[in-house]
Amino acid sequence: MNKSILRSTFSLLSTDHVRLNKSWNYKNVTSTFYRLYLIDGGEGKLYNAADTVKLEKGYLYLVPSFTTCNYYCDNYLSQYYIAFIEESADGASLFSANKKIFKLPASAYDVECVKRVLQLNPNRSLHASYNPSVYEKRPVLKSYHELNNNTLTSAYMETCGILLQLLSRFLTPDVFRVTDKSVIHSKIADAINYIQTNLQTNLTVADLATRANHNADYFSRLFYENTGERPLAYIQSKRIERAQLLLITTNMPFYEIAAETGFESLSYFSRVFKNITGQSPGGYKKDNLMV
């Protein structure tokens, strides 16, 4: 588990303390980065098809990347927010098996940590909009990420350390569902890592089964028992997650993104993308680019 955590690094995008009203009402936002909230006044809620979580004073909230979420305030909400990005050499995500809305009581130290991030990064607020679907867009995302290059080394390092401390609060056994080699069958863990690092290749269940020295049927059952998903569905979901990231963060043409994520044709890529996200690649990119 610890080795898999250390594969990821977390870098700040934006942070601020804001007071919101009933105009903070946004639906079906799926970000390529993490959002962390500390509520210090008022009420609101975060919700999706799986859960509804009340936003209330004295609590800390985490929305992992690629977790679809709705945001709602019916009157007044005061919050600190921190948006940050995860990067890893193999494209794997620490919270890949935990796509949910997390809520924890905020300790006094948590409050100090959140405020310290804002103190270290005083010019990282969102001036244009508090709409979550706006500040995830590619030009905004890129501009905030590039600010790390102009941050003092000491402040950048301390900020990264604080982000890890805050994330650690959500990694306790009663909150975080562990899916690593200590729990997942070792051959399935190997298959997951192989999938993440070879999304651009022609991945088949038969090949994965052969790699694990199992027949395809047994391997598929074992994969489902350990992950809750069939191998092909897992492969497709990871390919589309990678495609979403490329659509938002690059100017690659669709046919290149299709090839980069392992689809043999643009039409097949478009069909799978729409089946999983409900949007065409063009529609998704249009909704996530600044007008």
C-alpha atoms as a PDB file:
ATOM      1  CA  MET A   1       0.000   0.000   0.000  1.00  0.00           C
ATOM      2  CA  ASN A   2       2.667   2.522   1.018  1.00  0.00           C
ATOM      3  CA  LYS A   3       4.655   1.972  -2.178  1.00  0.00           C
ATOM      4  CA  SER A   4       1.560   2.561  -4.319  1.00  0.00           C
ATOM      5  CA  ILE A   5       0.830   5.823  -2.477  1.00  0.00           C
ATOM      6  CA  LEU A   6       4.344   7.093  -3.087  1.00  0.00           C
ATOM      7  CA  ARG A   7       3.860   6.663  -6.856  1.00  0.00           C
ATOM      8  CA  SER A   8       1.620   9.755  -6.818  1.00  0.00           C
ATOM      9  CA  THR A   9       2.492  13.404  -6.289  1.00  0.00           C
ATOM     10  CA  PHE A  10      -0.061  16.115  -5.530  1.00  0.00           C
ATOM     11  CA  SER A  11       0.300  19.742  -6.648  1.00  0.00           C
ATOM     12  CA  LEU A  12      -1.837  22.770  -5.848  1.00  0.00           C
ATOM     13  CA  LEU A  13      -4.057  24.381  -8.472  1.00  0.00           C
ATOM     14  CA  SER A  14      -6.087  26.947  -6.525  1.00  0.00           C
ATOM     15  CA  THR A  15      -7.161  27.855  -2.995  1.00  0.00           C
ATOM     16  CA  ASP A  16      -9.252  30.537  -1.296  1.00  0.00           C
ATOM     17  CA  HIS A  17     -11.816  31.305   1.385  1.00  0.00           C
ATOM     18  CA  VAL A  18     -15.189  32.230  -0.143  1.00  0.00           C
ATOM     19  CA  ARG A  19     -18.765  33.027   0.858  1.00  0.00           C
ATOM     20  CA  LEU A  20     -21.343  31.546  -1.490  1.00  0.00           C
ATOM     21  CA  ASN A  21     -25.087  31.918  -1.999  1.00  0.00           C
ATOM     22  CA  LYS A  22     -27.888  30.122  -3.819  1.00  0.00           C
ATOM     23  CA  SER A  23     -26.215  30.773  -7.175  1.00  0.00           C
ATOM     24  CA  TRP A  24     -23.734  28.012  -6.203  1.00  0.00           C
ATOM     25  CA  ASN A  25     -25.847  25.321  -7.845  1.00  0.00           C
ATOM     26  CA  TYR A  26     -24.077  23.168 -10.422  1.00  0.00           C
ATOM     27  CA  LYS A  27     -24.787  19.676 -11.721  1.00  0.00           C
ATOM     28  CA  ASN A  28     -22.881  16.743 -13.187  1.00  0.00           C
ATOM     29  CA  VAL A  29     -19.367  18.127 -12.749  1.00  0.00           C
ATOM     30  CA  THR A  30     -16.637  15.539 -13.357  1.00  0.00           C
ATOM     31  CA  SER A  31     -13.217  17.058 -12.732  1.00  0.00           C
ATOM     32  CA  THR A  32      -9.772  15.818 -13.660  1.00  0.00           C
ATOM     33  CA  PHE A  33      -8.492  16.997 -10.265  1.00  0.00           C
ATOM     34  CA  TYR A  34      -9.284  16.750  -6.545  1.00  0.00           C
ATOM     35  CA  ARG A  35     -11.408  19.207  -4.569  1.00  0.00           C
ATOM     36  CA  LEU A  36     -11.109  19.630  -0.794  1.00  0.00           C
ATOM     37  CA  TYR A  37     -13.492  21.783   1.261  1.00  0.00           C
ATOM     38  CA  LEU A  38     -13.470  23.017   4.856  1.00  0.00           C
ATOM     39  CA  ILE A  39     -16.820  24.521   5.865  1.00  0.00           C
ATOM     40  CA  ASP A  40     -16.801  27.311   8.465  1.00  0.00           C
ATOM     41  CA  GLY A  41     -20.362  28.590   8.124  1.00  0.00           C
ATOM     42  CA  GLY A  42     -23.746  28.032   6.499  1.00  0.00           C
ATOM     43  CA  GLU A  43     -24.970  24.874   4.780  1.00  0.00           C
ATOM     44  CA  GLY A  44     -25.012  23.187   1.392  1.00  0.00           C
ATOM     45  CA  LYS A  45     -24.693  19.748  -0.076  1.00  0.00           C
ATOM     46  CA  LEU A  46     -22.679  17.595  -2.446  1.00  0.00           C
ATOM     47  CA  TYR A  47     -24.513  14.758  -4.140  1.00  0.00           C
ATOM     48  CA  ASN A  48     -24.502  12.243  -6.969  1.00  0.00           C
ATOM     49  CA  ALA A  49     -26.325   9.047  -7.904  1.00  0.00           C
ATOM     50  CA  ALA A  50     -24.613   7.106  -5.123  1.00  0.00           C
ATOM     51  CA  ASP A  51     -24.739   9.516  -2.195  1.00  0.00           C
ATOM     52  CA  THR A  52     -25.844  12.853  -0.734  1.00  0.00           C
ATOM     53  CA  VAL A  53     -23.545  14.574   1.754  1.00  0.00           C
ATOM     54  CA  LYS A  54     -24.512  17.620   3.785  1.00  0.00           C
ATOM     55  CA  LEU A  55     -22.014  20.479   3.887  1.00  0.00           C
ATOM     56  CA  GLU A  56     -21.863  21.801   7.446  1.00  0.00           C
ATOM     57  CA  LYS A  57     -19.593  23.815   9.684  1.00  0.00           C
ATOM     58  CA  GLY A  58     -16.635  22.015  11.199  1.00  0.00           C
ATOM     59  CA  TYR A  59     -16.289  19.297   8.570  1.00  0.00           C
ATOM     60  CA  LEU A  60     -13.701  18.461   5.939  1.00  0.00           C
ATOM     61  CA  TYR A  61     -14.762  17.108   2.508  1.00  0.00           C
ATOM     62  CA  LEU A  62     -12.888  15.470  -0.349  1.00  0.00           C
ATOM     63  CA  VAL A  63     -14.092  14.870  -3.915  1.00  0.00           C
ATOM     64  CA  PRO A  64     -11.483  12.719  -5.758  1.00  0.00           C
ATOM     65  CA  SER A  65     -10.701  13.298  -9.417  1.00  0.00           C
ATOM     66  CA  PHE A  66     -13.165  11.840 -11.947  1.00  0.00           C
ATOM     67  CA  THR A  67     -15.930  11.663  -9.323  1.00  0.00           C
ATOM     68  CA  THR A  68     -19.142  13.061 -10.784  1.00  0.00           C
ATOM     69  CA  CYS A  69     -20.691  15.467  -8.289  1.00  0.00           C
ATOM     70  CA  ASN A  70     -23.464  18.056  -7.952  1.00  0.00           C
ATOM     71  CA  TYR A  71     -22.984  21.225  -5.869  1.00  0.00           C
ATOM     72  CA  TYR A  72     -25.809  23.016  -4.073  1.00  0.00           C
ATOM     73  CA  CYS A  73     -26.343  25.897  -1.639  1.00  0.00           C
ATOM     74  CA  ASP A  74     -29.884  27.078  -0.865  1.00  0.00           C
ATOM     75  CA  ASN A  75     -28.908  30.242   1.031  1.00  0.00           C
ATOM     76  CA  TYR A  76     -25.416  30.782   2.436  1.00  0.00           C
ATOM     77  CA  LEU A  77     -22.207  28.772   2.581  1.00  0.00           C
ATOM     78  CA  SER A  78     -18.748  29.819   3.797  1.00  0.00           C
ATOM     79  CA  GLN A  79     -15.870  27.560   2.846  1.00  0.00           C
ATOM     80  CA  TYR A  80     -12.165  27.170   2.322  1.00  0.00           C
ATOM     81  CA  TYR A  81     -11.421  25.236  -0.858  1.00  0.00           C
ATOM     82  CA  ILE A  82      -8.281  23.608  -2.201  1.00  0.00           C
ATOM     83  CA  ALA A  83      -8.127  22.240  -5.748  1.00  0.00           C
ATOM     84  CA  PHE A  84      -5.122  20.055  -6.544  1.00  0.00           C
ATOM     85  CA  ILE A  85      -3.929  17.647  -9.199  1.00  0.00           C
ATOM     86  CA  GLU A  86      -2.516  14.131  -8.921  1.00  0.00           C
ATOM     87  CA  GLU A  87       0.321  12.975 -11.143  1.00  0.00           C
ATOM     88  CA  SER A  88       1.939   9.537 -11.393  1.00  0.00           C
ATOM     89  CA  ALA A  89       4.340   7.913 -13.808  1.00  0.00           C
ATOM     90  CA  ASP A  90       1.905   5.144 -14.754  1.00  0.00           C
ATOM     91  CA  GLY A  91      -1.277   7.219 -14.714  1.00  0.00           C
ATOM     92  CA  ALA A  92      -2.671   5.321 -11.725  1.00  0.00           C
ATOM     93  CA  SER A  93      -4.739   7.151  -9.113  1.00  0.00           C
ATOM     94  CA  LEU A  94      -4.626   6.675  -5.352  1.00  0.00           C
ATOM     95  CA  PHE A  95      -8.420   6.951  -5.163  1.00  0.00           C
ATOM     96  CA  SER A  96      -9.206   4.912  -8.292  1.00  0.00           C
ATOM     97  CA  ALA A  97     -11.299   2.465  -6.244  1.00  0.00           C
ATOM     98  CA  ASN A  98     -12.807   5.186  -4.047  1.00  0.00           C
ATOM     99  CA  LYS A  99     -14.821   7.424  -6.350  1.00  0.00           C
ATOM    100  CA  LYS A 100     -17.100   8.861  -3.689  1.00  0.00           C
ATOM    101  CA  ILE A 101     -17.677  11.993  -1.627  1.00  0.00           C
ATOM    102  CA  PHE A 102     -15.722  11.860   1.649  1.00  0.00           C
ATOM    103  CA  LYS A 103     -16.728  13.677   4.858  1.00  0.00           C
ATOM    104  CA  LEU A 104     -14.813  13.889   8.155  1.00  0.00           C
ATOM    105  CA  PRO A 105     -14.963  16.066  11.284  1.00  0.00           C
ATOM    106  CA  ALA A 106     -12.209  18.687  10.929  1.00  0.00           C
ATOM    107  CA  SER A 107      -9.674  18.734  13.747  1.00  0.00           C
ATOM    108  CA  ALA A 108      -8.026  21.940  14.918  1.00  0.00           C
ATOM    109  CA  TYR A 109      -4.897  20.805  13.092  1.00  0.00           C
ATOM    110  CA  ASP A 110      -6.864  20.246   9.865  1.00  0.00           C
ATOM    111  CA  VAL A 111      -8.086  23.839  10.084  1.00  0.00           C
ATOM    112  CA  GLU A 112      -4.509  25.060  10.603  1.00  0.00           C
ATOM    113  CA  CYS A 113      -3.333  23.042   7.592  1.00  0.00           C
ATOM    114  CA  VAL A 114      -6.019  24.404   5.272  1.00  0.00           C
ATOM    115  CA  LYS A 115      -5.360  27.977   6.381  1.00  0.00           C
ATOM    116  CA  ARG A 116      -1.618  27.456   5.986  1.00  0.00           C
ATOM    117  CA  VAL A 117      -2.065  26.404   2.337  1.00  0.00           C
ATOM    118  CA  LEU A 118      -3.902  29.680   1.715  1.00  0.00           C
ATOM    119  CA  GLN A 119      -1.235  31.647   3.589  1.00  0.00           C
ATOM    120  CA  LEU A 120       1.554  30.055   1.538  1.00  0.00           C
ATOM    121  CA  ASN A 121      -0.323  30.663  -1.737  1.00  0.00           C
ATOM    122  CA  PRO A 122      -2.104  34.017  -1.373  1.00  0.00           C
ATOM    123  CA  ASN A 123      -2.710  34.633  -5.073  1.00  0.00           C
ATOM    124  CA  ARG A 124      -4.314  31.345  -6.087  1.00  0.00           C
ATOM    125  CA  SER A 125      -7.979  32.280  -5.814  1.00  0.00           C
ATOM    126  CA  LEU A 126     -10.623  31.959  -8.520  1.00  0.00           C
ATOM    127  CA  HIS A 127     -11.505  35.479  -9.598  1.00  0.00           C
ATOM    128  CA  ALA A 128     -13.649  34.713 -12.635  1.00  0.00           C
ATOM    129  CA  SER A 129     -16.186  32.201 -11.338  1.00  0.00           C
ATOM    130  CA  TYR A 130     -17.002  29.768  -8.533  1.00  0.00           C
ATOM    131  CA  ASN A 131     -18.676  27.419 -10.991  1.00  0.00           C
ATOM    132  CA  PRO A 132     -16.823  24.080 -10.647  1.00  0.00           C
ATOM    133  CA  SER A 133     -17.354  23.323 -14.328  1.00  0.00           C
ATOM    134  CA  VAL A 134     -15.593  26.568 -15.289  1.00  0.00           C
ATOM    135  CA  TYR A 135     -12.421  26.360 -13.282  1.00  0.00           C
ATOM    136  CA  GLU A 136     -11.673  22.817 -14.445  1.00  0.00           C
ATOM    137  CA  LYS A 137     -11.376  23.961 -18.040  1.00  0.00           C
ATOM    138  CA  ARG A 138      -8.110  23.488 -19.826  1.00  0.00           C
ATOM    139  CA  PRO A 139      -6.790  27.061 -20.046  1.00  0.00           C
ATOM    140  CA  VAL A 140      -7.681  27.718 -16.398  1.00  0.00           C
ATOM    141  CA  LEU A 141      -6.260  24.401 -15.251  1.00  0.00           C
ATOM    142  CA  LYS A 142      -3.029  24.973 -17.133  1.00  0.00           C
ATOM    143  CA  SER A 143      -2.582  28.546 -15.882  1.00  0.00           C
ATOM    144  CA  TYR A 144      -3.018  27.574 -12.237  1.00  0.00           C
ATOM    145  CA  HIS A 145      -0.748  24.556 -12.558  1.00  0.00           C
ATOM    146  CA  GLU A 146       1.988  26.707 -14.093  1.00  0.00           C
ATOM    147  CA  LEU A 147       1.907  29.026 -11.063  1.00  0.00           C
ATOM    148  CA  ASN A 148       3.773  26.325  -9.143  1.00  0.00           C
ATOM    149  CA  ASN A 149       6.850  27.139 -11.228  1.00  0.00           C
ATOM    150  CA  ASN A 150       6.819  30.694  -9.847  1.00  0.00           C
ATOM    151  CA  THR A 151       6.274  29.697  -6.220  1.00  0.00           C
ATOM    152  CA  LEU A 152       9.144  29.773  -3.749  1.00  0.00           C
ATOM    153  CA  THR A 153      10.680  26.314  -3.463  1.00  0.00           C
ATOM    154  CA  SER A 154      10.137  26.264   0.291  1.00  0.00           C
ATOM    155  CA  ALA A 155       6.464  27.241  -0.060  1.00  0.00           C
ATOM    156  CA  TYR A 156       5.887  24.719  -2.849  1.00  0.00           C
ATOM    157  CA  MET A 157       7.466  21.888  -0.857  1.00  0.00           C
ATOM    158  CA  GLU A 158       5.541  22.783   2.305  1.00  0.00           C
ATOM    159  CA  THR A 159       2.297  22.982   0.329  1.00  0.00           C
ATOM    160  CA  CYS A 160       2.862  19.526  -1.178  1.00  0.00           C
ATOM    161  CA  GLY A 161       3.571  18.173   2.301  1.00  0.00           C
ATOM    162  CA  ILE A 162       0.370  19.678   3.710  1.00  0.00           C
ATOM    163  CA  LEU A 163      -1.674  18.212   0.862  1.00  0.00           C
ATOM    164  CA  LEU A 164      -0.329  14.780   1.780  1.00  0.00           C
ATOM    165  CA  GLN A 165      -1.210  15.387   5.433  1.00  0.00           C
ATOM    166  CA  LEU A 166      -4.757  16.388   4.546  1.00  0.00           C
ATOM    167  CA  LEU A 167      -5.159  13.400   2.226  1.00  0.00           C
ATOM    168  CA  SER A 168      -3.916  11.093   4.977  1.00  0.00           C
ATOM    169  CA  ARG A 169      -7.021  11.981   6.975  1.00  0.00           C
ATOM    170  CA  PHE A 170      -9.106  10.150   4.371  1.00  0.00           C
ATOM    171  CA  LEU A 171      -6.904   7.034   4.256  1.00  0.00           C
ATOM    172  CA  THR A 172      -7.911   5.479   7.578  1.00  0.00           C
ATOM    173  CA  PRO A 173      -9.291   1.913   7.335  1.00  0.00           C
ATOM    174  CA  ASP A 174     -12.810   2.964   8.366  1.00  0.00           C
ATOM    175  CA  VAL A 175     -12.979   5.562   5.574  1.00  0.00           C
ATOM    176  CA  PHE A 176     -10.764   4.395   2.716  1.00  0.00           C
ATOM    177  CA  ARG A 177     -11.516   1.141   0.894  1.00  0.00           C
ATOM    178  CA  VAL A 178      -8.097  -0.417   0.368  1.00  0.00           C
ATOM    179  CA  THR A 179      -7.517  -2.224  -2.917  1.00  0.00           C
ATOM    180  CA  ASP A 180      -3.825  -3.032  -3.109  1.00  0.00           C
ATOM    181  CA  LYS A 181      -1.634  -6.115  -3.158  1.00  0.00           C
ATOM    182  CA  SER A 182      -2.241  -6.805   0.537  1.00  0.00           C
ATOM    183  CA  VAL A 183      -5.955  -7.248  -0.241  1.00  0.00           C
ATOM    184  CA  ILE A 184      -6.259  -7.815  -3.992  1.00  0.00           C
ATOM    185  CA  HIS A 185      -4.998 -11.069  -5.428  1.00  0.00           C
ATOM    186  CA  SER A 186      -1.413 -10.449  -6.548  1.00  0.00           C
ATOM    187  CA  LYS A 187      -2.141 -11.442 -10.157  1.00  0.00           C
ATOM    188  CA  ILE A 188      -5.079  -9.035 -10.338  1.00  0.00           C
ATOM    189  CA  ALA A 189      -2.942  -6.254  -8.868  1.00  0.00           C
ATOM    190  CA  ASP A 190      -0.368  -6.986 -11.567  1.00  0.00           C
ATOM    191  CA  ALA A 191      -3.096  -6.922 -14.233  1.00  0.00           C
ATOM    192  CA  ILE A 192      -4.382  -3.552 -13.004  1.00  0.00           C
ATOM    193  CA  ASN A 193      -0.893  -2.059 -13.136  1.00  0.00           C
ATOM    194  CA  TYR A 194      -0.362  -3.539 -16.601  1.00  0.00           C
ATOM    195  CA  ILE A 195      -3.651  -2.061 -17.833  1.00  0.00           C
ATOM    196  CA  GLN A 196      -2.813   1.403 -16.458  1.00  0.00           C
ATOM    197  CA  THR A 197       0.575   1.451 -18.153  1.00  0.00           C
ATOM    198  CA  ASN A 198      -0.539  -0.036 -21.485  1.00  0.00           C
ATOM    199  CA  LEU A 199      -3.836   1.666 -22.271  1.00  0.00           C
ATOM    200  CA  GLN A 200      -2.619   2.585 -25.754  1.00  0.00           C
ATOM    201  CA  THR A 201      -2.076  -1.066 -26.727  1.00  0.00           C
ATOM    202  CA  ASN A 202      -4.505  -3.772 -27.818  1.00  0.00           C
ATOM    203  CA  LEU A 203      -5.469  -5.075 -24.375  1.00  0.00           C
ATOM    204  CA  THR A 204      -7.612  -8.203 -24.374  1.00  0.00           C
ATOM    205  CA  VAL A 205      -8.997 -10.331 -21.572  1.00  0.00           C
ATOM    206  CA  ALA A 206      -7.357 -13.366 -23.168  1.00  0.00           C
ATOM    207  CA  ASP A 207      -3.928 -11.721 -23.070  1.00  0.00           C
ATOM    208  CA  LEU A 208      -4.388 -10.619 -19.454  1.00  0.00           C
ATOM    209  CA  ALA A 209      -5.482 -14.126 -18.515  1.00  0.00           C
ATOM    210  CA  THR A 210      -2.449 -15.629 -20.236  1.00  0.00           C
ATOM    211  CA  ARG A 211      -0.208 -13.177 -18.391  1.00  0.00           C
ATOM    212  CA  ALA A 212      -1.746 -14.419 -15.119  1.00  0.00           C
ATOM    213  CA  ASN A 213      -1.493 -18.092 -16.188  1.00  0.00           C
ATOM    214  CA  HIS A 214      -5.262 -18.564 -15.961  1.00  0.00           C
ATOM    215  CA  ASN A 215      -7.959 -19.308 -18.498  1.00  0.00           C
ATOM    216  CA  ALA A 216     -10.079 -16.329 -19.527  1.00  0.00           C
ATOM    217  CA  ASP A 217     -13.230 -17.348 -17.646  1.00  0.00           C
ATOM    218  CA  TYR A 218     -11.454 -17.940 -14.348  1.00  0.00           C
ATOM    219  CA  PHE A 219      -9.421 -14.755 -14.718  1.00  0.00           C
ATOM    220  CA  SER A 220     -12.578 -12.714 -15.393  1.00  0.00           C
ATOM    221  CA  ARG A 221     -14.277 -14.133 -12.293  1.00  0.00           C
ATOM    222  CA  LEU A 222     -11.176 -13.459 -10.179  1.00  0.00           C
ATOM    223  CA  PHE A 223     -10.920  -9.911 -11.516  1.00  0.00           C
ATOM    224  CA  TYR A 224     -14.586  -9.257 -10.719  1.00  0.00           C
ATOM    225  CA  GLU A 225     -14.268 -10.703  -7.205  1.00  0.00           C
ATOM    226  CA  ASN A 226     -11.323  -8.374  -6.480  1.00  0.00           C
ATOM    227  CA  THR A 227     -12.470  -5.184  -8.207  1.00  0.00           C
ATOM    228  CA  GLY A 228     -16.252  -5.398  -8.633  1.00  0.00           C
ATOM    229  CA  GLU A 229     -15.837  -4.899 -12.398  1.00  0.00           C
ATOM    230  CA  ARG A 230     -15.334  -7.133 -15.404  1.00  0.00           C
ATOM    231  CA  PRO A 231     -11.916  -6.744 -17.064  1.00  0.00           C
ATOM    232  CA  LEU A 232     -13.233  -5.245 -20.308  1.00  0.00           C
ATOM    233  CA  ALA A 233     -15.434  -2.714 -18.477  1.00  0.00           C
ATOM    234  CA  TYR A 234     -12.454  -1.737 -16.302  1.00  0.00           C
ATOM    235  CA  ILE A 235     -10.205  -1.287 -19.345  1.00  0.00           C
ATOM    236  CA  GLN A 236     -12.789   0.860 -21.118  1.00  0.00           C
ATOM    237  CA  SER A 237     -13.400   3.064 -18.071  1.00  0.00           C
ATOM    238  CA  LYS A 238      -9.674   3.702 -17.630  1.00  0.00           C
ATOM    239  CA  ARG A 239      -9.280   4.481 -21.335  1.00  0.00           C
ATOM    240  CA  ILE A 240     -12.095   7.021 -21.172  1.00  0.00           C
ATOM    241  CA  GLU A 241     -10.678   8.603 -18.000  1.00  0.00           C
ATOM    242  CA  ARG A 242      -7.367   9.041 -19.831  1.00  0.00           C
ATOM    243  CA  ALA A 243      -9.219  10.432 -22.856  1.00  0.00           C
ATOM    244  CA  GLN A 244     -11.065  12.963 -20.663  1.00  0.00           C
ATOM    245  CA  LEU A 245      -7.748  14.140 -19.261  1.00  0.00           C
ATOM    246  CA  LEU A 246      -6.225  14.486 -22.749  1.00  0.00           C
ATOM    247  CA  LEU A 247      -9.281  16.351 -24.054  1.00  0.00           C
ATOM    248  CA  ILE A 248      -9.043  18.905 -21.249  1.00  0.00           C
ATOM    249  CA  THR A 249      -5.282  19.310 -20.933  1.00  0.00           C
ATOM    250  CA  THR A 250      -4.047  19.017 -24.555  1.00  0.00           C
ATOM    251  CA  ASN A 251      -4.889  20.142 -28.088  1.00  0.00           C
ATOM    252  CA  MET A 252      -4.490  16.646 -29.535  1.00  0.00           C
ATOM    253  CA  PRO A 253      -6.956  15.864 -32.354  1.00  0.00           C
ATOM    254  CA  PHE A 254      -9.585  13.263 -31.552  1.00  0.00           C
ATOM    255  CA  TYR A 255      -8.039  10.584 -33.761  1.00  0.00           C
ATOM    256  CA  GLU A 256      -4.740  10.898 -31.863  1.00  0.00           C
ATOM    257  CA  ILE A 257      -6.525  10.665 -28.513  1.00  0.00           C
ATOM    258  CA  ALA A 258      -8.348   7.572 -29.766  1.00  0.00           C
ATOM    259  CA  ALA A 259      -5.042   5.955 -30.733  1.00  0.00           C
ATOM    260  CA  GLU A 260      -3.332   7.060 -27.503  1.00  0.00           C
ATOM    261  CA  THR A 261      -6.060   5.420 -25.434  1.00  0.00           C
ATOM    262  CA  GLY A 262      -6.119   2.139 -27.350  1.00  0.00           C
ATOM    263  CA  PHE A 263      -9.127   2.466 -29.657  1.00  0.00           C
ATOM    264  CA  GLU A 264      -8.695   1.056 -33.164  1.00  0.00           C
ATOM    265  CA  SER A 265     -10.943   3.673 -34.754  1.00  0.00           C
ATOM    266  CA  LEU A 266     -12.319   7.132 -34.048  1.00  0.00           C
ATOM    267  CA  SER A 267     -15.903   5.911 -34.463  1.00  0.00           C
ATOM    268  CA  TYR A 268     -15.444   3.167 -31.851  1.00  0.00           C
ATOM    269  CA  PHE A 269     -13.768   5.619 -29.478  1.00  0.00           C
ATOM    270  CA  SER A 270     -16.653   8.064 -29.886  1.00  0.00           C
ATOM    271  CA  ARG A 271     -19.245   5.365 -29.277  1.00  0.00           C
ATOM    272  CA  VAL A 272     -17.599   4.080 -26.077  1.00  0.00           C
ATOM    273  CA  PHE A 273     -16.940   7.621 -24.858  1.00  0.00           C
ATOM    274  CA  LYS A 274     -20.618   8.522 -25.194  1.00  0.00           C
ATOM    275  CA  ASN A 275     -21.774   5.265 -23.605  1.00  0.00           C
ATOM    276  CA  ILE A 276     -19.664   5.964 -20.503  1.00  0.00           C
ATOM    277  CA  THR A 277     -19.920   9.760 -20.169  1.00  0.00           C
ATOM    278  CA  GLY A 278     -23.225  10.499 -21.874  1.00  0.00           C
ATOM    279  CA  GLN A 279     -21.461  12.972 -24.189  1.00  0.00           C
ATOM    280  CA  SER A 280     -19.575  12.817 -27.445  1.00  0.00           C
ATOM    281  CA  PRO A 281     -15.848  13.668 -27.257  1.00  0.00           C
ATOM    282  CA  GLY A 282     -16.593  16.899 -29.144  1.00  0.00           C
ATOM    283  CA  GLY A 283     -19.389  17.826 -26.768  1.00  0.00           C
ATOM    284  CA  TYR A 284     -17.232  17.073 -23.736  1.00  0.00           C
ATOM    285  CA  LYS A 285     -14.344  19.168 -25.053  1.00  0.00           C
ATOM    286  CA  LYS A 286     -16.659  22.059 -25.952  1.00  0.00           C
ATOM    287  CA  ASP A 287     -18.175  22.058 -22.451  1.00  0.00           C
ATOM    288  CA  ASN A 288     -14.710  22.097 -20.911  1.00  0.00           C
ATOM    289  CA  LEU A 289     -13.034  24.852 -22.914  1.00  0.00           C
ATOM    290  CA  MET A 290     -13.195  28.563 -22.224  1.00  0.00           C
ATOM    291  CA  VAL A 291     -15.502  30.413 -24.593  1.00  0.00           C
END
